[in-house]
């Protein structure tokens, strides 16, 4: 018992540092919480990572805008629970690179593409 006492004291000192109150932003996040939205909401994380496949969003040109691979329900669930969505963009479309499709470096006009807000 005596050996555990210093550990308990240390925990009592450090534990309040890790408590996040409801009115504060939680710095902890989750990866692809959309698979279990209710459980993700219960965790109270401050952000969620979602992978956006650029070659699926704009397959033929910068004028294409296909959002089928990121379901609006995922974004709404994150918003409902106060989670910020952090996008990881992967796979450069063929039209946006002179290099290998999917992994090439974006060139020219594709570098200035902007995102469009969801409705």
PDB file of N, CA and C in Angstrom:
ATOM      1  N   UNK A   1       0.814  -1.196   0.000  1.00  0.00           N
ATOM      2  CA  UNK A   1       0.000   0.000   0.000  1.00  0.00           C
ATOM      3  C   UNK A   1       0.859   1.262   0.000  1.00  0.00           C
ATOM      4  N   UNK A   2       1.949   1.235   0.743  1.00  0.00           N
ATOM      5  CA  UNK A   2       2.837   2.389   0.833  1.00  0.00           C
ATOM      6  C   UNK A   2       3.455   2.690  -0.532  1.00  0.00           C
ATOM      7  N   UNK A   3       3.771   1.656  -1.307  1.00  0.00           N
ATOM      8  CA  UNK A   3       4.377   1.851  -2.623  1.00  0.00           C
ATOM      9  C   UNK A   3       3.385   2.474  -3.601  1.00  0.00           C
ATOM     10  N   UNK A   4       2.111   2.226  -3.420  1.00  0.00           N
ATOM     11  CA  UNK A   4       1.090   2.753  -4.323  1.00  0.00           C
ATOM     12  C   UNK A   4       0.721   4.194  -4.009  1.00  0.00           C
ATOM     13  N   UNK A   5       0.972   4.636  -2.816  1.00  0.00           N
ATOM     14  CA  UNK A   5       0.579   5.976  -2.398  1.00  0.00           C
ATOM     15  C   UNK A   5       1.173   7.071  -3.286  1.00  0.00           C
ATOM     16  N   UNK A   6       2.481   7.051  -3.603  1.00  0.00           N
ATOM     17  CA  UNK A   6       3.027   8.097  -4.481  1.00  0.00           C
ATOM     18  C   UNK A   6       2.386   8.087  -5.868  1.00  0.00           C
ATOM     19  N   UNK A   7       2.035   6.920  -6.372  1.00  0.00           N
ATOM     20  CA  UNK A   7       1.377   6.827  -7.676  1.00  0.00           C
ATOM     21  C   UNK A   7      -0.011   7.460  -7.604  1.00  0.00           C
ATOM     22  N   UNK A   8      -0.741   7.192  -6.562  1.00  0.00           N
ATOM     23  CA  UNK A   8      -2.070   7.782  -6.401  1.00  0.00           C
ATOM     24  C   UNK A   8      -1.996   9.301  -6.276  1.00  0.00           C
ATOM     25  N   UNK A   9      -1.019   9.789  -5.542  1.00  0.00           N
ATOM     26  CA  UNK A   9      -0.842  11.238  -5.406  1.00  0.00           C
ATOM     27  C   UNK A   9      -0.531  11.849  -6.763  1.00  0.00           C
ATOM     28  N   UNK A  10       0.345  11.220  -7.516  1.00  0.00           N
ATOM     29  CA  UNK A  10       0.705  11.713  -8.849  1.00  0.00           C
ATOM     30  C   UNK A  10      -0.510  11.724  -9.772  1.00  0.00           C
ATOM     31  N   UNK A  11      -1.308  10.678  -9.726  1.00  0.00           N
ATOM     32  CA  UNK A  11      -2.524  10.636 -10.535  1.00  0.00           C
ATOM     33  C   UNK A  11      -3.494  11.741 -10.156  1.00  0.00           C
ATOM     34  N   UNK A  12      -3.657  11.986  -8.891  1.00  0.00           N
ATOM     35  CA  UNK A  12      -4.556  13.047  -8.426  1.00  0.00           C
ATOM     36  C   UNK A  12      -4.088  14.427  -8.880  1.00  0.00           C
ATOM     37  N   UNK A  13      -2.790  14.597  -9.002  1.00  0.00           N
ATOM     38  CA  UNK A  13      -2.236  15.878  -9.452  1.00  0.00           C
ATOM     39  C   UNK A  13      -2.394  16.032 -10.964  1.00  0.00           C
ATOM     40  N   UNK A  14      -2.113  14.964 -11.714  1.00  0.00           N
ATOM     41  CA  UNK A  14      -2.109  15.042 -13.168  1.00  0.00           C
ATOM     42  C   UNK A  14      -3.479  14.881 -13.808  1.00  0.00           C
ATOM     43  N   UNK A  15      -4.387  14.157 -13.192  1.00  0.00           N
ATOM     44  CA  UNK A  15      -5.679  13.877 -13.796  1.00  0.00           C
ATOM     45  C   UNK A  15      -6.441  15.129 -14.206  1.00  0.00           C
ATOM     46  N   UNK A  16      -6.497  16.181 -13.402  1.00  0.00           N
ATOM     47  CA  UNK A  16      -7.231  17.376 -13.830  1.00  0.00           C
ATOM     48  C   UNK A  16      -6.666  18.022 -15.092  1.00  0.00           C
ATOM     49  N   UNK A  17      -5.419  17.779 -15.412  1.00  0.00           N
ATOM     50  CA  UNK A  17      -4.824  18.339 -16.627  1.00  0.00           C
ATOM     51  C   UNK A  17      -5.494  17.758 -17.860  1.00  0.00           C
ATOM     52  N   UNK A  18      -5.914  16.495 -17.799  1.00  0.00           N
ATOM     53  CA  UNK A  18      -6.455  15.798 -18.959  1.00  0.00           C
ATOM     54  C   UNK A  18      -7.971  15.874 -19.072  1.00  0.00           C
ATOM     55  N   UNK A  19      -8.633  16.491 -18.124  1.00  0.00           N
ATOM     56  CA  UNK A  19     -10.085  16.612 -18.171  1.00  0.00           C
ATOM     57  C   UNK A  19     -10.448  17.771 -19.091  1.00  0.00           C
ATOM     58  N   UNK A  20     -11.351  17.512 -20.051  1.00  0.00           N
ATOM     59  CA  UNK A  20     -11.808  18.552 -20.967  1.00  0.00           C
ATOM     60  C   UNK A  20     -13.262  18.841 -20.627  1.00  0.00           C
ATOM     61  N   UNK A  21     -13.557  20.067 -20.329  1.00  0.00           N
ATOM     62  CA  UNK A  21     -14.915  20.459 -20.000  1.00  0.00           C
ATOM     63  C   UNK A  21     -15.717  20.660 -21.275  1.00  0.00           C
ATOM     64  N   UNK A  22     -17.025  20.541 -21.178  1.00  0.00           N
ATOM     65  CA  UNK A  22     -17.902  20.602 -22.344  1.00  0.00           C
ATOM     66  C   UNK A  22     -17.767  21.916 -23.112  1.00  0.00           C
ATOM     67  N   UNK A  23     -17.448  22.995 -22.434  1.00  0.00           N
ATOM     68  CA  UNK A  23     -17.364  24.288 -23.105  1.00  0.00           C
ATOM     69  C   UNK A  23     -15.979  24.556 -23.709  1.00  0.00           C
ATOM     70  N   UNK A  24     -15.048  23.633 -23.594  1.00  0.00           N
ATOM     71  CA  UNK A  24     -13.706  23.789 -24.148  1.00  0.00           C
ATOM     72  C   UNK A  24     -13.541  22.906 -25.376  1.00  0.00           C
ATOM     73  N   UNK A  25     -12.622  23.267 -26.246  1.00  0.00           N
ATOM     74  CA  UNK A  25     -12.325  22.443 -27.420  1.00  0.00           C
ATOM     75  C   UNK A  25     -11.477  21.249 -26.998  1.00  0.00           C
ATOM     76  N   UNK A  26     -11.882  20.077 -27.398  1.00  0.00           N
ATOM     77  CA  UNK A  26     -11.150  18.855 -27.080  1.00  0.00           C
ATOM     78  C   UNK A  26     -10.061  18.634 -28.123  1.00  0.00           C
ATOM     79  N   UNK A  27      -8.804  18.576 -27.746  1.00  0.00           N
ATOM     80  CA  UNK A  27      -7.726  18.404 -28.712  1.00  0.00           C
ATOM     81  C   UNK A  27      -7.594  16.971 -29.223  1.00  0.00           C
ATOM     82  N   UNK A  28      -8.305  16.033 -28.608  1.00  0.00           N
ATOM     83  CA  UNK A  28      -8.202  14.644 -29.024  1.00  0.00           C
ATOM     84  C   UNK A  28      -9.172  14.344 -30.150  1.00  0.00           C
ATOM     85  N   UNK A  29      -8.744  13.521 -31.093  1.00  0.00           N
ATOM     86  CA  UNK A  29      -9.580  13.205 -32.234  1.00  0.00           C
ATOM     87  C   UNK A  29      -9.723  11.721 -32.454  1.00  0.00           C
ATOM     88  N   UNK A  30     -10.516  11.392 -33.467  1.00  0.00           N
ATOM     89  CA  UNK A  30     -10.726   9.994 -33.835  1.00  0.00           C
ATOM     90  C   UNK A  30     -10.534   9.843 -35.335  1.00  0.00           C
ATOM     91  N   UNK A  31     -10.254   8.637 -35.736  1.00  0.00           N
ATOM     92  CA  UNK A  31     -10.044   8.320 -37.146  1.00  0.00           C
ATOM     93  C   UNK A  31     -11.289   7.614 -37.670  1.00  0.00           C
ATOM     94  N   UNK A  32     -11.908   8.204 -38.688  1.00  0.00           N
ATOM     95  CA  UNK A  32     -13.064   7.626 -39.362  1.00  0.00           C
ATOM     96  C   UNK A  32     -14.158   7.183 -38.388  1.00  0.00           C
ATOM     97  N   UNK A  33     -14.556   8.107 -37.536  1.00  0.00           N
ATOM     98  CA  UNK A  33     -15.598   7.835 -36.568  1.00  0.00           C
ATOM     99  C   UNK A  33     -16.963   7.631 -37.196  1.00  0.00           C
ATOM    100  N   UNK A  34     -17.097   7.934 -38.484  1.00  0.00           N
ATOM    101  CA  UNK A  34     -18.386   7.786 -39.154  1.00  0.00           C
ATOM    102  C   UNK A  34     -18.858   6.338 -39.204  1.00  0.00           C
ATOM    103  N   UNK A  35     -17.937   5.387 -39.039  1.00  0.00           N
ATOM    104  CA  UNK A  35     -18.337   3.975 -39.057  1.00  0.00           C
ATOM    105  C   UNK A  35     -19.197   3.630 -37.848  1.00  0.00           C
ATOM    106  N   UNK A  36     -18.965   4.297 -36.730  1.00  0.00           N
ATOM    107  CA  UNK A  36     -19.756   4.093 -35.502  1.00  0.00           C
ATOM    108  C   UNK A  36     -20.131   5.469 -34.953  1.00  0.00           C
ATOM    109  N   UNK A  37     -21.076   6.148 -35.607  1.00  0.00           N
ATOM    110  CA  UNK A  37     -21.338   7.549 -35.256  1.00  0.00           C
ATOM    111  C   UNK A  37     -21.816   7.773 -33.825  1.00  0.00           C
ATOM    112  N   UNK A  38     -22.640   6.882 -33.293  1.00  0.00           N
ATOM    113  CA  UNK A  38     -23.130   7.078 -31.921  1.00  0.00           C
ATOM    114  C   UNK A  38     -21.994   6.951 -30.910  1.00  0.00           C
ATOM    115  N   UNK A  39     -21.152   5.942 -31.109  1.00  0.00           N
ATOM    116  CA  UNK A  39     -20.025   5.745 -30.200  1.00  0.00           C
ATOM    117  C   UNK A  39     -19.022   6.888 -30.331  1.00  0.00           C
ATOM    118  N   UNK A  40     -18.814   7.357 -31.560  1.00  0.00           N
ATOM    119  CA  UNK A  40     -17.897   8.477 -31.779  1.00  0.00           C
ATOM    120  C   UNK A  40     -18.395   9.730 -31.066  1.00  0.00           C
ATOM    121  N   UNK A  41     -19.696   9.947 -31.078  1.00  0.00           N
ATOM    122  CA  UNK A  41     -20.277  11.109 -30.409  1.00  0.00           C
ATOM    123  C   UNK A  41     -20.110  11.001 -28.892  1.00  0.00           C
ATOM    124  N   UNK A  42     -20.293   9.807 -28.366  1.00  0.00           N
ATOM    125  CA  UNK A  42     -20.151   9.596 -26.923  1.00  0.00           C
ATOM    126  C   UNK A  42     -18.727   9.873 -26.441  1.00  0.00           C
ATOM    127  N   UNK A  43     -17.737   9.645 -27.321  1.00  0.00           N
ATOM    128  CA  UNK A  43     -16.353   9.892 -26.930  1.00  0.00           C
ATOM    129  C   UNK A  43     -16.075  11.373 -26.714  1.00  0.00           C
ATOM    130  N   UNK A  44     -16.840  12.228 -27.388  1.00  0.00           N
ATOM    131  CA  UNK A  44     -16.671  13.663 -27.206  1.00  0.00           C
ATOM    132  C   UNK A  44     -15.395  14.226 -27.803  1.00  0.00           C
ATOM    133  N   UNK A  45     -14.884  13.576 -28.837  1.00  0.00           N
ATOM    134  CA  UNK A  45     -13.637  14.053 -29.439  1.00  0.00           C
ATOM    135  C   UNK A  45     -13.852  15.385 -30.140  1.00  0.00           C
ATOM    136  N   UNK A  46     -12.763  16.136 -30.298  1.00  0.00           N
ATOM    137  CA  UNK A  46     -12.837  17.463 -30.899  1.00  0.00           C
ATOM    138  C   UNK A  46     -12.734  17.469 -32.414  1.00  0.00           C
ATOM    139  N   UNK A  47     -12.207  16.378 -32.996  1.00  0.00           N
ATOM    140  CA  UNK A  47     -12.058  16.325 -34.446  1.00  0.00           C
ATOM    141  C   UNK A  47     -12.128  14.881 -34.935  1.00  0.00           C
ATOM    142  N   UNK A  48     -12.342  14.753 -36.243  1.00  0.00           N
ATOM    143  CA  UNK A  48     -12.414  13.446 -36.879  1.00  0.00           C
ATOM    144  C   UNK A  48     -11.711  13.518 -38.224  1.00  0.00           C
ATOM    145  N   UNK A  49     -10.913  12.497 -38.517  1.00  0.00           N
ATOM    146  CA  UNK A  49     -10.245  12.435 -39.817  1.00  0.00           C
ATOM    147  C   UNK A  49     -11.108  11.648 -40.787  1.00  0.00           C
ATOM    148  N   UNK A  50     -11.335  12.236 -41.972  1.00  0.00           N
ATOM    149  CA  UNK A  50     -12.022  11.558 -43.065  1.00  0.00           C
ATOM    150  C   UNK A  50     -11.145  11.676 -44.299  1.00  0.00           C
ATOM    151  N   UNK A  51     -10.985  10.570 -45.006  1.00  0.00           N
ATOM    152  CA  UNK A  51     -10.175  10.567 -46.224  1.00  0.00           C
ATOM    153  C   UNK A  51     -11.053  10.936 -47.424  1.00  0.00           C
ATOM    154  N   UNK A  52     -10.620  11.937 -48.159  1.00  0.00           N
ATOM    155  CA  UNK A  52     -11.296  12.370 -49.374  1.00  0.00           C
ATOM    156  C   UNK A  52     -10.459  11.922 -50.573  1.00  0.00           C
ATOM    157  N   UNK A  53     -11.056  11.159 -51.453  1.00  0.00           N
ATOM    158  CA  UNK A  53     -10.370  10.675 -52.654  1.00  0.00           C
ATOM    159  C   UNK A  53     -10.597  11.689 -53.775  1.00  0.00           C
ATOM    160  N   UNK A  54      -9.585  12.518 -54.035  1.00  0.00           N
ATOM    161  CA  UNK A  54      -9.709  13.602 -55.016  1.00  0.00           C
ATOM    162  C   UNK A  54     -10.085  13.060 -56.385  1.00  0.00           C
ATOM    163  N   UNK A  55      -9.524  11.919 -56.782  1.00  0.00           N
ATOM    164  CA  UNK A  55      -9.816  11.366 -58.106  1.00  0.00           C
ATOM    165  C   UNK A  55     -11.266  10.915 -58.235  1.00  0.00           C
ATOM    166  N   UNK A  56     -11.938  10.692 -57.114  1.00  0.00           N
ATOM    167  CA  UNK A  56     -13.367  10.361 -57.144  1.00  0.00           C
ATOM    168  C   UNK A  56     -14.236  11.625 -57.114  1.00  0.00           C
ATOM    169  N   UNK A  57     -13.769  12.658 -56.414  1.00  0.00           N
ATOM    170  CA  UNK A  57     -14.535  13.911 -56.338  1.00  0.00           C
ATOM    171  C   UNK A  57     -14.526  14.664 -57.659  1.00  0.00           C
ATOM    172  N   UNK A  58     -13.388  14.693 -58.322  1.00  0.00           N
ATOM    173  CA  UNK A  58     -13.255  15.424 -59.581  1.00  0.00           C
ATOM    174  C   UNK A  58     -12.560  14.522 -60.607  1.00  0.00           C
ATOM    175  N   UNK A  59     -13.244  13.490 -61.095  1.00  0.00           N
ATOM    176  CA  UNK A  59     -12.585  12.503 -61.944  1.00  0.00           C
ATOM    177  C   UNK A  59     -12.139  13.010 -63.317  1.00  0.00           C
ATOM    178  N   UNK A  60     -12.879  13.948 -63.926  1.00  0.00           N
ATOM    179  CA  UNK A  60     -12.585  14.345 -65.301  1.00  0.00           C
ATOM    180  C   UNK A  60     -12.066  15.762 -65.473  1.00  0.00           C
ATOM    181  N   UNK A  61     -12.366  16.638 -64.532  1.00  0.00           N
ATOM    182  CA  UNK A  61     -11.934  18.036 -64.658  1.00  0.00           C
ATOM    183  C   UNK A  61     -12.185  18.761 -63.338  1.00  0.00           C
ATOM    184  N   UNK A  62     -11.652  19.988 -63.214  1.00  0.00           N
ATOM    185  CA  UNK A  62     -11.916  20.753 -61.992  1.00  0.00           C
ATOM    186  C   UNK A  62     -13.380  21.195 -61.897  1.00  0.00           C
ATOM    187  N   UNK A  63     -14.127  21.066 -62.998  1.00  0.00           N
ATOM    188  CA  UNK A  63     -15.541  21.437 -62.979  1.00  0.00           C
ATOM    189  C   UNK A  63     -16.439  20.324 -62.452  1.00  0.00           C
ATOM    190  N   UNK A  64     -15.921  19.095 -62.371  1.00  0.00           N
ATOM    191  CA  UNK A  64     -16.678  17.989 -61.773  1.00  0.00           C
ATOM    192  C   UNK A  64     -16.757  18.192 -60.271  1.00  0.00           C
ATOM    193  N   UNK A  65     -17.850  17.737 -59.675  1.00  0.00           N
ATOM    194  CA  UNK A  65     -17.933  17.765 -58.217  1.00  0.00           C
ATOM    195  C   UNK A  65     -18.854  16.643 -57.777  1.00  0.00           C
ATOM    196  N   UNK A  66     -18.265  15.499 -57.479  1.00  0.00           N
ATOM    197  CA  UNK A  66     -18.981  14.301 -57.094  1.00  0.00           C
ATOM    198  C   UNK A  66     -18.667  14.007 -55.627  1.00  0.00           C
ATOM    199  N   UNK A  67     -19.673  13.992 -54.794  1.00  0.00           N
ATOM    200  CA  UNK A  67     -19.437  13.775 -53.359  1.00  0.00           C
ATOM    201  C   UNK A  67     -19.934  12.413 -52.881  1.00  0.00           C
ATOM    202  N   UNK A  68     -20.147  11.481 -53.806  1.00  0.00           N
ATOM    203  CA  UNK A  68     -20.708  10.187 -53.420  1.00  0.00           C
ATOM    204  C   UNK A  68     -19.806   9.370 -52.510  1.00  0.00           C
ATOM    205  N   UNK A  69     -18.483   9.569 -52.574  1.00  0.00           N
ATOM    206  CA  UNK A  69     -17.607   8.756 -51.718  1.00  0.00           C
ATOM    207  C   UNK A  69     -17.440   9.326 -50.311  1.00  0.00           C
ATOM    208  N   UNK A  70     -18.014  10.491 -50.039  1.00  0.00           N
ATOM    209  CA  UNK A  70     -18.077  11.030 -48.672  1.00  0.00           C
ATOM    210  C   UNK A  70     -19.543  11.372 -48.417  1.00  0.00           C
ATOM    211  N   UNK A  71     -20.195  10.523 -47.669  1.00  0.00           N
ATOM    212  CA  UNK A  71     -21.622  10.649 -47.410  1.00  0.00           C
ATOM    213  C   UNK A  71     -21.905  11.896 -46.568  1.00  0.00           C
ATOM    214  N   UNK A  72     -22.895  12.676 -46.970  1.00  0.00           N
ATOM    215  CA  UNK A  72     -23.281  13.876 -46.208  1.00  0.00           C
ATOM    216  C   UNK A  72     -23.651  13.546 -44.769  1.00  0.00           C
ATOM    217  N   UNK A  73     -24.175  12.343 -44.541  1.00  0.00           N
ATOM    218  CA  UNK A  73     -24.551  11.948 -43.177  1.00  0.00           C
ATOM    219  C   UNK A  73     -23.329  11.924 -42.270  1.00  0.00           C
ATOM    220  N   UNK A  74     -22.155  11.582 -42.808  1.00  0.00           N
ATOM    221  CA  UNK A  74     -20.925  11.560 -42.003  1.00  0.00           C
ATOM    222  C   UNK A  74     -20.596  12.962 -41.525  1.00  0.00           C
ATOM    223  N   UNK A  75     -20.690  13.917 -42.456  1.00  0.00           N
ATOM    224  CA  UNK A  75     -20.361  15.299 -42.120  1.00  0.00           C
ATOM    225  C   UNK A  75     -21.384  15.892 -41.152  1.00  0.00           C
ATOM    226  N   UNK A  76     -22.658  15.558 -41.363  1.00  0.00           N
ATOM    227  CA  UNK A  76     -23.706  16.057 -40.463  1.00  0.00           C
ATOM    228  C   UNK A  76     -23.561  15.473 -39.061  1.00  0.00           C
ATOM    229  N   UNK A  77     -23.198  14.184 -38.974  1.00  0.00           N
ATOM    230  CA  UNK A  77     -23.011  13.552 -37.663  1.00  0.00           C
ATOM    231  C   UNK A  77     -21.859  14.206 -36.911  1.00  0.00           C
ATOM    232  N   UNK A  78     -20.770  14.479 -37.619  1.00  0.00           N
ATOM    233  CA  UNK A  78     -19.626  15.142 -36.989  1.00  0.00           C
ATOM    234  C   UNK A  78     -20.022  16.540 -36.517  1.00  0.00           C
ATOM    235  N   UNK A  79     -20.745  17.269 -37.344  1.00  0.00           N
ATOM    236  CA  UNK A  79     -21.195  18.613 -36.988  1.00  0.00           C
ATOM    237  C   UNK A  79     -22.146  18.577 -35.791  1.00  0.00           C
ATOM    238  N   UNK A  80     -23.049  17.617 -35.784  1.00  0.00           N
ATOM    239  CA  UNK A  80     -24.020  17.487 -34.686  1.00  0.00           C
ATOM    240  C   UNK A  80     -23.317  17.274 -33.337  1.00  0.00           C
ATOM    241  N   UNK A  81     -22.210  16.548 -33.361  1.00  0.00           N
ATOM    242  CA  UNK A  81     -21.487  16.256 -32.117  1.00  0.00           C
ATOM    243  C   UNK A  81     -20.374  17.254 -31.833  1.00  0.00           C
ATOM    244  N   UNK A  82     -20.256  18.279 -32.668  1.00  0.00           N
ATOM    245  CA  UNK A  82     -19.250  19.315 -32.428  1.00  0.00           C
ATOM    246  C   UNK A  82     -17.838  18.912 -32.810  1.00  0.00           C
ATOM    247  N   UNK A  83     -17.709  17.908 -33.704  1.00  0.00           N
ATOM    248  CA  UNK A  83     -16.378  17.489 -34.157  1.00  0.00           C
ATOM    249  C   UNK A  83     -16.003  18.234 -35.428  1.00  0.00           C
ATOM    250  N   UNK A  84     -14.799  18.742 -35.473  1.00  0.00           N
ATOM    251  CA  UNK A  84     -14.253  19.342 -36.679  1.00  0.00           C
ATOM    252  C   UNK A  84     -13.798  18.205 -37.594  1.00  0.00           C
ATOM    253  N   UNK A  85     -14.068  18.319 -38.894  1.00  0.00           N
ATOM    254  CA  UNK A  85     -13.619  17.305 -39.844  1.00  0.00           C
ATOM    255  C   UNK A  85     -12.273  17.730 -40.412  1.00  0.00           C
ATOM    256  N   UNK A  86     -11.305  16.845 -40.273  1.00  0.00           N
ATOM    257  CA  UNK A  86      -9.978  17.062 -40.825  1.00  0.00           C
ATOM    258  C   UNK A  86      -9.875  16.173 -42.054  1.00  0.00           C
ATOM    259  N   UNK A  87      -9.698  16.783 -43.209  1.00  0.00           N
ATOM    260  CA  UNK A  87      -9.673  16.031 -44.459  1.00  0.00           C
ATOM    261  C   UNK A  87      -8.254  15.628 -44.830  1.00  0.00           C
ATOM    262  N   UNK A  88      -8.121  14.370 -45.193  1.00  0.00           N
ATOM    263  CA  UNK A  88      -6.886  13.885 -45.796  1.00  0.00           C
ATOM    264  C   UNK A  88      -7.224  13.658 -47.261  1.00  0.00           C
ATOM    265  N   UNK A  89      -6.558  14.375 -48.134  1.00  0.00           N
ATOM    266  CA  UNK A  89      -6.853  14.272 -49.562  1.00  0.00           C
ATOM    267  C   UNK A  89      -5.828  13.357 -50.203  1.00  0.00           C
ATOM    268  N   UNK A  90      -6.338  12.335 -50.928  1.00  0.00           N
ATOM    269  CA  UNK A  90      -5.437  11.381 -51.579  1.00  0.00           C
ATOM    270  C   UNK A  90      -5.839  11.203 -53.035  1.00  0.00           C
ATOM    271  N   UNK A  91      -4.967  10.591 -53.797  1.00  0.00           N
ATOM    272  CA  UNK A  91      -5.199  10.208 -55.196  1.00  0.00           C
ATOM    273  C   UNK A  91      -5.469  11.395 -56.130  1.00  0.00           C
ATOM    274  N   UNK A  92      -4.416  11.888 -56.745  1.00  0.00           N
ATOM    275  CA  UNK A  92      -4.516  12.978 -57.711  1.00  0.00           C
ATOM    276  C   UNK A  92      -5.192  12.442 -58.977  1.00  0.00           C
ATOM    277  N   UNK A  93      -6.245  13.109 -59.475  1.00  0.00           N
ATOM    278  CA  UNK A  93      -6.891  12.645 -60.705  1.00  0.00           C
ATOM    279  C   UNK A  93      -5.962  12.793 -61.912  1.00  0.00           C
ATOM    280  N   UNK A  94      -6.219  12.007 -62.943  1.00  0.00           N
ATOM    281  CA  UNK A  94      -5.377  12.017 -64.147  1.00  0.00           C
ATOM    282  C   UNK A  94      -5.214  13.417 -64.735  1.00  0.00           C
ATOM    283  N   UNK A  95      -6.300  14.202 -64.771  1.00  0.00           N
ATOM    284  CA  UNK A  95      -6.255  15.513 -65.402  1.00  0.00           C
ATOM    285  C   UNK A  95      -5.401  16.521 -64.635  1.00  0.00           C
ATOM    286  N   UNK A  96      -5.119  16.235 -63.358  1.00  0.00           N
ATOM    287  CA  UNK A  96      -4.451  17.210 -62.499  1.00  0.00           C
ATOM    288  C   UNK A  96      -2.951  16.992 -62.355  1.00  0.00           C
ATOM    289  N   UNK A  97      -2.386  16.046 -63.117  1.00  0.00           N
ATOM    290  CA  UNK A  97      -0.957  15.780 -62.985  1.00  0.00           C
ATOM    291  C   UNK A  97      -0.343  15.392 -64.319  1.00  0.00           C
ATOM    292  N   UNK A  98       0.929  15.709 -64.473  1.00  0.00           N
ATOM    293  CA  UNK A  98       1.688  15.233 -65.634  1.00  0.00           C
ATOM    294  C   UNK A  98       2.414  13.938 -65.277  1.00  0.00           C
ATOM    295  N   UNK A  99       2.360  13.593 -64.004  1.00  0.00           N
ATOM    296  CA  UNK A  99       3.022  12.379 -63.524  1.00  0.00           C
ATOM    297  C   UNK A  99       2.075  11.196 -63.527  1.00  0.00           C
ATOM    298  N   UNK A 100       2.377  10.245 -62.703  1.00  0.00           N
ATOM    299  CA  UNK A 100       1.557   9.038 -62.612  1.00  0.00           C
ATOM    300  C   UNK A 100       0.207   9.359 -61.970  1.00  0.00           C
ATOM    301  N   UNK A 101      -0.895   8.907 -62.567  1.00  0.00           N
ATOM    302  CA  UNK A 101      -2.209   9.128 -61.964  1.00  0.00           C
ATOM    303  C   UNK A 101      -2.274   8.540 -60.550  1.00  0.00           C
ATOM    304  N   UNK A 102      -2.905   9.267 -59.664  1.00  0.00           N
ATOM    305  CA  UNK A 102      -3.048   8.804 -58.289  1.00  0.00           C
ATOM    306  C   UNK A 102      -1.936   9.271 -57.375  1.00  0.00           C
ATOM    307  N   UNK A 103      -0.705   9.224 -57.857  1.00  0.00           N
ATOM    308  CA  UNK A 103       0.430   9.577 -57.001  1.00  0.00           C
ATOM    309  C   UNK A 103       1.253  10.741 -57.531  1.00  0.00           C
ATOM    310  N   UNK A 104       0.925  11.235 -58.727  1.00  0.00           N
ATOM    311  CA  UNK A 104       1.688  12.333 -59.311  1.00  0.00           C
ATOM    312  C   UNK A 104       1.494  13.635 -58.554  1.00  0.00           C
ATOM    313  N   UNK A 105       2.408  14.549 -58.764  1.00  0.00           N
ATOM    314  CA  UNK A 105       2.335  15.870 -58.130  1.00  0.00           C
ATOM    315  C   UNK A 105       1.329  16.718 -58.909  1.00  0.00           C
ATOM    316  N   UNK A 106       0.389  17.392 -58.231  1.00  0.00           N
ATOM    317  CA  UNK A 106      -0.552  18.266 -58.933  1.00  0.00           C
ATOM    318  C   UNK A 106       0.183  19.368 -59.691  1.00  0.00           C
ATOM    319  N   UNK A 107      -0.316  19.678 -60.872  1.00  0.00           N
ATOM    320  CA  UNK A 107       0.321  20.698 -61.707  1.00  0.00           C
ATOM    321  C   UNK A 107      -0.689  21.742 -62.163  1.00  0.00           C
ATOM    322  N   UNK A 108      -0.164  22.884 -62.580  1.00  0.00           N
ATOM    323  CA  UNK A 108      -0.963  23.920 -63.218  1.00  0.00           C
ATOM    324  C   UNK A 108      -2.210  24.320 -62.477  1.00  0.00           C
ATOM    325  N   UNK A 109      -3.328  24.340 -63.195  1.00  0.00           N
ATOM    326  CA  UNK A 109      -4.599  24.826 -62.668  1.00  0.00           C
ATOM    327  C   UNK A 109      -5.076  24.030 -61.447  1.00  0.00           C
ATOM    328  N   UNK A 110      -4.709  22.762 -61.381  1.00  0.00           N
ATOM    329  CA  UNK A 110      -5.194  21.936 -60.264  1.00  0.00           C
ATOM    330  C   UNK A 110      -4.674  22.425 -58.917  1.00  0.00           C
ATOM    331  N   UNK A 111      -3.570  23.117 -58.893  1.00  0.00           N
ATOM    332  CA  UNK A 111      -3.027  23.611 -57.613  1.00  0.00           C
ATOM    333  C   UNK A 111      -3.886  24.697 -57.001  1.00  0.00           C
ATOM    334  N   UNK A 112      -4.697  25.354 -57.834  1.00  0.00           N
ATOM    335  CA  UNK A 112      -5.512  26.441 -57.310  1.00  0.00           C
ATOM    336  C   UNK A 112      -6.968  26.030 -57.091  1.00  0.00           C
ATOM    337  N   UNK A 113      -7.256  24.738 -57.172  1.00  0.00           N
ATOM    338  CA  UNK A 113      -8.635  24.273 -56.940  1.00  0.00           C
ATOM    339  C   UNK A 113      -9.035  24.576 -55.504  1.00  0.00           C
ATOM    340  N   UNK A 114     -10.262  24.964 -55.334  1.00  0.00           N
ATOM    341  CA  UNK A 114     -10.769  25.246 -54.000  1.00  0.00           C
ATOM    342  C   UNK A 114     -11.915  24.297 -53.690  1.00  0.00           C
ATOM    343  N   UNK A 115     -12.193  24.137 -52.423  1.00  0.00           N
ATOM    344  CA  UNK A 115     -13.306  23.283 -52.045  1.00  0.00           C
ATOM    345  C   UNK A 115     -14.604  24.066 -52.122  1.00  0.00           C
ATOM    346  N   UNK A 116     -15.671  23.344 -52.301  1.00  0.00           N
ATOM    347  CA  UNK A 116     -16.992  23.958 -52.339  1.00  0.00           C
ATOM    348  C   UNK A 116     -17.733  23.557 -51.077  1.00  0.00           C
ATOM    349  N   UNK A 117     -18.430  24.457 -50.459  1.00  0.00           N
ATOM    350  CA  UNK A 117     -19.140  24.105 -49.229  1.00  0.00           C
ATOM    351  C   UNK A 117     -20.279  23.126 -49.504  1.00  0.00           C
ATOM    352  N   UNK A 118     -20.554  22.252 -48.540  1.00  0.00           N
ATOM    353  CA  UNK A 118     -21.686  21.343 -48.672  1.00  0.00           C
ATOM    354  C   UNK A 118     -22.960  22.055 -48.286  1.00  0.00           C
ATOM    355  N   UNK A 119     -24.050  21.585 -48.800  1.00  0.00           N
ATOM    356  CA  UNK A 119     -25.352  22.227 -48.534  1.00  0.00           C
ATOM    357  C   UNK A 119     -26.019  21.582 -47.359  1.00  0.00           C
TER     358      UNK A 119
END
